[in-house]
Protein backbone atom coordinates (compact mmCIF):
# COMPACT_ATOMS: atom_id res chain seq x y z
CA UNK A 1 20.39 -14.65 6.72
CA UNK A 2 17.74 -16.66 4.63
CA UNK A 3 14.91 -15.21 6.12
CA UNK A 4 15.79 -11.59 5.39
CA UNK A 5 12.73 -9.74 4.20
CA UNK A 6 13.08 -7.05 1.44
CA UNK A 7 10.76 -4.97 -0.26
CA UNK A 8 10.37 -7.50 -2.84
CA UNK A 9 9.14 -10.23 -0.45
CA UNK A 10 5.79 -11.72 -0.87
CA UNK A 11 3.37 -13.56 1.38
CA UNK A 12 1.15 -16.48 -0.17
CA UNK A 13 -2.61 -16.06 1.13
CA UNK A 14 -4.80 -19.14 1.72
CA UNK A 15 -6.33 -18.90 -1.55
CA UNK A 16 -2.86 -19.24 -3.29
CA UNK A 17 -2.88 -15.55 -4.36
CA UNK A 18 0.68 -14.17 -3.67
CA UNK A 19 1.19 -10.68 -2.56
CA UNK A 20 3.75 -8.15 -1.50
CA UNK A 21 4.85 -8.56 2.28
CA UNK A 22 5.43 -4.71 2.49
CA UNK A 23 2.91 -2.08 1.73
CA UNK A 24 1.05 1.24 2.49
CA UNK A 25 -1.73 1.01 4.80
CA UNK A 26 -4.20 3.76 4.57
CA UNK A 27 -6.59 3.17 7.33
CA UNK A 28 -7.20 6.41 9.33
CA UNK A 29 -5.50 8.35 6.63
CA UNK A 30 -7.28 11.34 5.83
CA UNK A 31 -7.15 14.43 3.56
CA UNK A 32 -5.82 14.90 -0.11
CA UNK A 33 -2.60 16.16 1.12
CA UNK A 34 -1.65 13.84 3.65
CA UNK A 35 -2.57 10.78 1.07
CA UNK A 36 -0.89 12.59 -1.79
CA UNK A 37 2.27 12.60 -0.26
CA UNK A 38 2.09 8.82 1.34
CA UNK A 39 1.10 7.30 -2.34
CA UNK A 40 3.76 9.55 -4.00
CA UNK A 41 6.44 8.42 -1.39
CA UNK A 42 5.43 4.74 -1.63
CA UNK A 43 5.70 4.71 -5.20
CA UNK A 44 9.03 6.48 -5.44
CA UNK A 45 10.29 3.64 -2.81
CA UNK A 46 9.22 0.98 -5.21
CA UNK A 47 6.04 -0.22 -3.05
CA UNK A 48 3.58 -1.62 -5.36
CA UNK A 49 1.11 -2.73 -2.42
CA UNK A 50 -1.36 -0.02 -1.18
CA UNK A 51 -3.79 -1.30 1.23
CA UNK A 52 -7.35 -0.04 0.93
CA UNK A 53 -10.72 -0.71 1.97
CA UNK A 54 -14.17 0.63 1.30
CA UNK A 55 -14.86 1.03 5.18
CA UNK A 56 -11.71 3.30 5.23
CA UNK A 57 -13.59 5.99 3.49
CA UNK A 58 -10.68 7.48 1.55
CA UNK A 59 -10.82 5.97 -1.94
CA UNK A 60 -11.47 9.30 -3.72
CA UNK A 61 -8.08 10.73 -2.36
CA UNK A 62 -6.35 7.64 -2.84
CA UNK A 63 -7.52 7.34 -6.41
CA UNK A 64 -6.52 11.07 -6.66
CA UNK A 65 -3.24 10.53 -5.59
CA UNK A 66 -2.50 7.50 -7.72
CA UNK A 67 -3.73 9.53 -10.90
């Protein structure tokens, strides 16, 4: 069971940066209510990784949910 992954598992990127292995993907997530609920659940579940990108076009909704 040494390779068992948990919510606290991390992965090291090629540049040496370590990030959480598990996180909330936000691609195709639209609408304030949908994102608000997803971000709220994510944070309540102790996730600390929320994957975002300008290309997704939902930064304002994610920022609002985080606030």
